C-alpha atoms as a PDB file:
ATOM      1  CA  UNK A   1    -161.170  23.741 153.213  1.00  0.00           C
ATOM      2  CA  UNK A   2    -161.213  24.395 156.315  1.00  0.00           C
ATOM      3  CA  UNK A   3    -160.841  21.180 158.771  1.00  0.00           C
ATOM      4  CA  UNK A   4    -165.083  21.890 159.809  1.00  0.00           C
ATOM      5  CA  UNK A   5    -166.002  21.638 155.823  1.00  0.00           C
ATOM      6  CA  UNK A   6    -163.924  18.369 155.035  1.00  0.00           C
ATOM      7  CA  UNK A   7    -165.040  16.725 158.536  1.00  0.00           C
ATOM      8  CA  UNK A   8    -168.737  17.544 157.108  1.00  0.00           C
ATOM      9  CA  UNK A   9    -168.275  15.895 153.594  1.00  0.00           C
ATOM     10  CA  UNK A  10    -166.542  12.872 154.943  1.00  0.00           C
ATOM     11  CA  UNK A  11    -169.237  12.670 158.257  1.00  0.00           C
ATOM     12  CA  UNK A  12    -172.367  12.405 155.312  1.00  0.00           C
ATOM     13  CA  UNK A  13    -170.355   9.301 154.032  1.00  0.00           C
ATOM     14  CA  UNK A  14    -168.649   7.678 156.488  1.00  0.00           C
ATOM     15  CA  UNK A  15    -170.681   4.519 156.571  1.00  0.00           C
ATOM     16  CA  UNK A  16    -170.382   4.263 152.229  1.00  0.00           C
ATOM     17  CA  UNK A  17    -166.620   5.409 152.934  1.00  0.00           C
ATOM     18  CA  UNK A  18    -166.053   2.314 155.177  1.00  0.00           C
ATOM     19  CA  UNK A  19    -168.093  -0.142 153.914  1.00  0.00           C
ATOM     20  CA  UNK A  20    -166.291   0.509 150.534  1.00  0.00           C
ATOM     21  CA  UNK A  21    -162.417   1.431 152.146  1.00  0.00           C
ATOM     22  CA  UNK A  22    -162.591   0.740 155.540  1.00  0.00           C
ATOM     23  CA  UNK A  23    -161.044  -2.491 155.459  1.00  0.00           C
ATOM     24  CA  UNK A  24    -156.490  -3.743 155.035  1.00  0.00           C
ATOM     25  CA  UNK A  25    -157.655  -6.806 152.180  1.00  0.00           C
ATOM     26  CA  UNK A  26    -159.918  -4.207 150.254  1.00  0.00           C
ATOM     27  CA  UNK A  27    -156.315  -2.180 149.826  1.00  0.00           C
ATOM     28  CA  UNK A  28    -153.491  -1.780 146.974  1.00  0.00           C
ATOM     29  CA  UNK A  29    -151.151  -5.297 148.030  1.00  0.00           C
ATOM     30  CA  UNK A  30    -147.902  -3.102 147.297  1.00  0.00           C
ATOM     31  CA  UNK A  31    -149.677  -1.274 149.783  1.00  0.00           C
ATOM     32  CA  UNK A  32    -150.195  -3.049 152.497  1.00  0.00           C
ATOM     33  CA  UNK A  33    -146.153  -4.323 152.209  1.00  0.00           C
ATOM     34  CA  UNK A  34    -144.942  -0.754 152.161  1.00  0.00           C
ATOM     35  CA  UNK A  35    -146.666   0.267 155.561  1.00  0.00           C
ATOM     36  CA  UNK A  36    -145.403  -3.454 157.215  1.00  0.00           C
ATOM     37  CA  UNK A  37    -142.194  -2.418 156.256  1.00  0.00           C
ATOM     38  CA  UNK A  38    -141.839   0.824 157.394  1.00  0.00           C
ATOM     39  CA  UNK A  39    -143.356  -0.682 160.621  1.00  0.00           C
ATOM     40  CA  UNK A  40    -140.365  -2.597 161.084  1.00  0.00           C
ATOM     41  CA  UNK A  41    -137.897   0.176 161.137  1.00  0.00           C
ATOM     42  CA  UNK A  42    -140.514   1.190 164.218  1.00  0.00           C
ATOM     43  CA  UNK A  43    -140.132   0.890 168.232  1.00  0.00           C
ATOM     44  CA  UNK A  44    -141.461   3.379 170.280  1.00  0.00           C
ATOM     45  CA  UNK A  45    -145.179   5.064 170.094  1.00  0.00           C
ATOM     46  CA  UNK A  46    -146.540   5.557 166.567  1.00  0.00           C
ATOM     47  CA  UNK A  47    -149.801   7.649 165.582  1.00  0.00           C
ATOM     48  CA  UNK A  48    -152.119   7.196 162.489  1.00  0.00           C
ATOM     49  CA  UNK A  49    -152.308  10.822 161.237  1.00  0.00           C
ATOM     50  CA  UNK A  50    -155.461  10.904 159.487  1.00  0.00           C
ATOM     51  CA  UNK A  51    -156.723   6.826 160.396  1.00  0.00           C
ATOM     52  CA  UNK A  52    -160.466   7.498 158.918  1.00  0.00           C
ATOM     53  CA  UNK A  53    -162.014   3.946 159.538  1.00  0.00           C
ATOM     54  CA  UNK A  54    -159.504   2.810 161.264  1.00  0.00           C
ATOM     55  CA  UNK A  55    -158.008  -0.216 159.841  1.00  0.00           C
ATOM     56  CA  UNK A  56    -154.263   0.760 159.032  1.00  0.00           C
ATOM     57  CA  UNK A  57    -154.435   1.389 162.900  1.00  0.00           C
ATOM     58  CA  UNK A  58    -155.459  -2.004 163.305  1.00  0.00           C
ATOM     59  CA  UNK A  59    -153.145  -3.759 161.216  1.00  0.00           C
ATOM     60  CA  UNK A  60    -150.337  -1.743 162.441  1.00  0.00           C
ATOM     61  CA  UNK A  61    -151.590  -3.005 166.722  1.00  0.00           C
ATOM     62  CA  UNK A  62    -151.706  -6.334 165.250  1.00  0.00           C
ATOM     63  CA  UNK A  63    -148.371  -6.313 164.491  1.00  0.00           C
ATOM     64  CA  UNK A  64    -147.550  -4.835 167.703  1.00  0.00           C
ATOM     65  CA  UNK A  65    -146.811  -1.694 167.269  1.00  0.00           C
ATOM     66  CA  UNK A  66    -147.495   0.870 170.091  1.00  0.00           C
ATOM     67  CA  UNK A  67    -150.116   2.810 167.582  1.00  0.00           C
ATOM     68  CA  UNK A  68    -153.287   4.921 168.271  1.00  0.00           C
ATOM     69  CA  UNK A  69    -155.059   6.347 165.531  1.00  0.00           C
ATOM     70  CA  UNK A  70    -156.131  10.336 164.995  1.00  0.00           C
ATOM     71  CA  UNK A  71    -158.959  11.836 162.886  1.00  0.00           C
ATOM     72  CA  UNK A  72    -161.399  14.562 162.779  1.00  0.00           C
ATOM     73  CA  UNK A  73    -163.989  13.168 161.856  1.00  0.00           C
ATOM     74  CA  UNK A  74    -165.752  11.994 164.874  1.00  0.00           C
ATOM     75  CA  UNK A  75    -168.085   9.193 162.697  1.00  0.00           C
ATOM     76  CA  UNK A  76    -164.523   7.313 161.712  1.00  0.00           C
ATOM     77  CA  UNK A  77    -163.709   7.613 165.244  1.00  0.00           C
ATOM     78  CA  UNK A  78    -166.698   5.480 166.430  1.00  0.00           C
ATOM     79  CA  UNK A  79    -167.045   3.054 164.015  1.00  0.00           C
ATOM     80  CA  UNK A  80    -163.296   1.963 163.831  1.00  0.00           C
ATOM     81  CA  UNK A  81    -163.330   2.248 168.156  1.00  0.00           C
ATOM     82  CA  UNK A  82    -166.261  -0.478 167.801  1.00  0.00           C
ATOM     83  CA  UNK A  83    -164.340  -2.532 164.629  1.00  0.00           C
ATOM     84  CA  UNK A  84    -161.150  -2.531 166.249  1.00  0.00           C
ATOM     85  CA  UNK A  85    -161.998  -2.500 169.943  1.00  0.00           C
ATOM     86  CA  UNK A  86    -158.275  -3.785 171.048  1.00  0.00           C
ATOM     87  CA  UNK A  87    -156.663  -0.446 169.030  1.00  0.00           C
ATOM     88  CA  UNK A  88    -156.389   2.870 170.189  1.00  0.00           C
ATOM     89  CA  UNK A  89    -159.085   6.430 168.925  1.00  0.00           C
ATOM     90  CA  UNK A  90    -159.395   9.813 169.461  1.00  0.00           C
ATOM     91  CA  UNK A  91    -160.873  13.027 167.947  1.00  0.00           C
ATOM     92  CA  UNK A  92    -157.781  15.347 166.756  1.00  0.00           C
ATOM     93  CA  UNK A  93    -157.206  17.972 164.513  1.00  0.00           C
ATOM     94  CA  UNK A  94    -153.169  17.159 161.921  1.00  0.00           C
ATOM     95  CA  UNK A  95    -152.838  20.733 163.420  1.00  0.00           C
ATOM     96  CA  UNK A  96    -152.526  19.663 166.727  1.00  0.00           C
ATOM     97  CA  UNK A  97    -151.974  16.090 167.378  1.00  0.00           C
ATOM     98  CA  UNK A  98    -152.063  16.954 171.285  1.00  0.00           C
ATOM     99  CA  UNK A  99    -148.952  14.989 172.376  1.00  0.00           C
ATOM    100  CA  UNK A 100    -145.262  16.727 174.060  1.00  0.00           C
ATOM    101  CA  UNK A 101    -142.694  17.044 171.370  1.00  0.00           C
ATOM    102  CA  UNK A 102    -140.829  14.465 170.091  1.00  0.00           C
ATOM    103  CA  UNK A 103    -142.664  12.157 171.762  1.00  0.00           C
ATOM    104  CA  UNK A 104    -143.132   9.914 168.935  1.00  0.00           C
ATOM    105  CA  UNK A 105    -141.171   7.602 166.858  1.00  0.00           C
ATOM    106  CA  UNK A 106    -143.496   7.216 163.964  1.00  0.00           C
ATOM    107  CA  UNK A 107    -146.490   8.682 162.035  1.00  0.00           C
ATOM    108  CA  UNK A 108    -148.304   7.424 159.270  1.00  0.00           C
ATOM    109  CA  UNK A 109    -149.909   9.714 156.978  1.00  0.00           C
ATOM    110  CA  UNK A 110    -151.894   7.735 154.505  1.00  0.00           C
ATOM    111  CA  UNK A 111    -153.335   9.234 151.607  1.00  0.00           C
ATOM    112  CA  UNK A 112    -153.962  11.979 154.917  1.00  0.00           C
ATOM    113  CA  UNK A 113    -152.697  15.102 154.182  1.00  0.00           C
ATOM    114  CA  UNK A 114    -155.123  15.427 150.470  1.00  0.00           C
ATOM    115  CA  UNK A 115    -157.639  17.331 150.990  1.00  0.00           C
ATOM    116  CA  UNK A 116    -155.211  20.655 152.786  1.00  0.00           C
ATOM    117  CA  UNK A 117    -154.759  23.711 150.627  1.00  0.00           C
ATOM    118  CA  UNK A 118    -151.649  24.235 149.483  1.00  0.00           C
ATOM    119  CA  UNK A 119    -150.990  26.707 151.779  1.00  0.00           C
ATOM    120  CA  UNK A 120    -151.881  24.312 154.876  1.00  0.00           C
ATOM    121  CA  UNK A 121    -149.922  21.550 154.521  1.00  0.00           C
ATOM    122  CA  UNK A 122    -146.340  22.901 154.646  1.00  0.00           C
ATOM    123  CA  UNK A 123    -148.009  24.280 159.101  1.00  0.00           C
ATOM    124  CA  UNK A 124    -149.367  20.353 159.472  1.00  0.00           C
ATOM    125  CA  UNK A 125    -146.303  18.806 158.252  1.00  0.00           C
ATOM    126  CA  UNK A 126    -144.215  21.097 160.702  1.00  0.00           C
ATOM    127  CA  UNK A 127    -146.942  19.871 163.425  1.00  0.00           C
ATOM    128  CA  UNK A 128    -145.593  16.125 162.915  1.00  0.00           C
ATOM    129  CA  UNK A 129    -142.183  17.014 162.765  1.00  0.00           C
ATOM    130  CA  UNK A 130    -142.702  18.375 165.989  1.00  0.00           C
ATOM    131  CA  UNK A 131    -144.410  15.435 167.494  1.00  0.00           C
ATOM    132  CA  UNK A 132    -141.271  13.165 166.331  1.00  0.00           C
ATOM    133  CA  UNK A 133    -138.667  12.115 168.332  1.00  0.00           C
ATOM    134  CA  UNK A 134    -134.686  12.347 165.973  1.00  0.00           C
ATOM    135  CA  UNK A 135    -134.169  10.039 163.819  1.00  0.00           C
ATOM    136  CA  UNK A 136    -138.199   9.740 164.141  1.00  0.00           C
ATOM    137  CA  UNK A 137    -139.985   8.004 161.031  1.00  0.00           C
ATOM    138  CA  UNK A 138    -142.993   9.629 158.483  1.00  0.00           C
ATOM    139  CA  UNK A 139    -144.368   7.822 156.051  1.00  0.00           C
ATOM    140  CA  UNK A 140    -146.713   9.573 153.348  1.00  0.00           C
ATOM    141  CA  UNK A 141    -149.002   8.355 150.904  1.00  0.00           C
ATOM    142  CA  UNK A 142    -150.588  10.499 147.573  1.00  0.00           C
ATOM    143  CA  UNK A 143    -151.469  11.416 145.181  1.00  0.00           C
ATOM    144  CA  UNK A 144    -149.068  12.659 142.084  1.00  0.00           C
ATOM    145  CA  UNK A 145    -149.350  14.916 139.755  1.00  0.00           C
ATOM    146  CA  UNK A 146    -148.624  18.879 139.316  1.00  0.00           C
ATOM    147  CA  UNK A 147    -148.251  20.241 142.760  1.00  0.00           C
ATOM    148  CA  UNK A 148    -151.096  21.883 144.214  1.00  0.00           C
ATOM    149  CA  UNK A 149    -153.374  21.444 141.626  1.00  0.00           C
ATOM    150  CA  UNK A 150    -157.005  20.299 142.858  1.00  0.00           C
ATOM    151  CA  UNK A 151    -159.272  17.717 141.361  1.00  0.00           C
ATOM    152  CA  UNK A 152    -162.778  15.872 142.649  1.00  0.00           C
ATOM    153  CA  UNK A 153    -161.812  13.962 144.898  1.00  0.00           C
ATOM    154  CA  UNK A 154    -165.448  11.345 145.600  1.00  0.00           C
ATOM    155  CA  UNK A 155    -165.747  13.165 149.362  1.00  0.00           C
ATOM    156  CA  UNK A 156    -164.479  16.599 148.477  1.00  0.00           C
ATOM    157  CA  UNK A 157    -161.798  18.656 146.914  1.00  0.00           C
ATOM    158  CA  UNK A 158    -158.488  17.309 146.889  1.00  0.00           C
ATOM    159  CA  UNK A 159    -154.955  18.135 145.752  1.00  0.00           C
ATOM    160  CA  UNK A 160    -151.895  16.525 143.581  1.00  0.00           C
ATOM    161  CA  UNK A 161    -148.966  16.959 144.510  1.00  0.00           C
ATOM    162  CA  UNK A 162    -145.101  16.174 142.868  1.00  0.00           C
ATOM    163  CA  UNK A 163    -142.607  13.543 144.115  1.00  0.00           C
ATOM    164  CA  UNK A 164    -139.989  16.615 143.847  1.00  0.00           C
ATOM    165  CA  UNK A 165    -142.425  19.299 145.657  1.00  0.00           C
ATOM    166  CA  UNK A 166    -143.458  17.047 148.060  1.00  0.00           C
ATOM    167  CA  UNK A 167    -140.142  16.829 149.270  1.00  0.00           C
ATOM    168  CA  UNK A 168    -138.598  19.351 149.362  1.00  0.00           C
ATOM    169  CA  UNK A 169    -141.533  20.915 151.797  1.00  0.00           C
ATOM    170  CA  UNK A 170    -140.619  17.989 153.632  1.00  0.00           C
ATOM    171  CA  UNK A 171    -136.997  18.957 153.896  1.00  0.00           C
ATOM    172  CA  UNK A 172    -138.303  22.188 154.594  1.00  0.00           C
ATOM    173  CA  UNK A 173    -140.015  21.057 158.064  1.00  0.00           C
ATOM    174  CA  UNK A 174    -136.835  18.862 158.823  1.00  0.00           C
ATOM    175  CA  UNK A 175    -137.120  15.693 157.057  1.00  0.00           C
ATOM    176  CA  UNK A 176    -134.848  13.581 155.817  1.00  0.00           C
ATOM    177  CA  UNK A 177    -136.089  12.164 152.738  1.00  0.00           C
ATOM    178  CA  UNK A 178    -135.493   8.429 152.607  1.00  0.00           C
ATOM    179  CA  UNK A 179    -136.908   6.631 149.734  1.00  0.00           C
ATOM    180  CA  UNK A 180    -139.990   7.914 147.491  1.00  0.00           C
ATOM    181  CA  UNK A 181    -141.891   5.453 145.336  1.00  0.00           C
ATOM    182  CA  UNK A 182    -144.875   5.802 142.545  1.00  0.00           C
ATOM    183  CA  UNK A 183    -147.432   3.741 141.108  1.00  0.00           C
ATOM    184  CA  UNK A 184    -149.739   4.079 138.000  1.00  0.00           C
ATOM    185  CA  UNK A 185    -152.665   1.363 138.341  1.00  0.00           C
ATOM    186  CA  UNK A 186    -154.854   1.292 135.652  1.00  0.00           C
ATOM    187  CA  UNK A 187    -157.984   2.990 135.995  1.00  0.00           C
ATOM    188  CA  UNK A 188    -156.268   4.875 139.554  1.00  0.00           C
ATOM    189  CA  UNK A 189    -154.730   8.010 139.324  1.00  0.00           C
ATOM    190  CA  UNK A 190    -151.103   7.986 139.835  1.00  0.00           C
ATOM    191  CA  UNK A 191    -150.055   6.999 143.926  1.00  0.00           C
ATOM    192  CA  UNK A 192    -147.081   8.191 145.733  1.00  0.00           C
ATOM    193  CA  UNK A 193    -145.046   7.729 148.376  1.00  0.00           C
ATOM    194  CA  UNK A 194    -142.044   8.738 151.024  1.00  0.00           C
ATOM    195  CA  UNK A 195    -140.754   7.693 153.819  1.00  0.00           C
ATOM    196  CA  UNK A 196    -138.504  10.229 155.641  1.00  0.00           C
ATOM    197  CA  UNK A 197    -136.539  10.363 159.100  1.00  0.00           C
ATOM    198  CA  UNK A 198    -136.436  13.914 161.371  1.00  0.00           C
ATOM    199  CA  UNK A 199    -133.293  15.128 160.538  1.00  0.00           C
END
């Protein structure tokens, strides 16, 4: 799907999505710990790529990170600026983050890559690698399953990825995989996360 199609699908339900999922205390406790531990490694500029309602951006901003949330859904950015006025947000595509090469020390991509068509995902991973300084850190969260298998997400079509295939694509894009995790919570799709560093 194109950015415009995904953006329109989220825009139509942005208020509902924010009400249901737009707060850190509504997230899984293990995800909070995972993201907080990841952030402890980083000093310098960070982007929350595909920040949605902005709750993770604010969570890390409150912990002292120099972080900016970006999303291509203007309704999310407008709401995030209102709800979290001390944090920084702007509208941007993940295909072109609008920052100089090597200018970031961290990128959080927490469930923000799931709607990318399989042929587009390597393009975005290369863009994330471009923005990061040497040894800059990336954390990706996604749904684990058969690679590139589509499913009907509550908002619009999304894709599963296996840990092996996502790790391979990250390595191809210039990352070194540091650690991986998977989790199966009752009633939810399988969760996976990969922490990586630019080589």
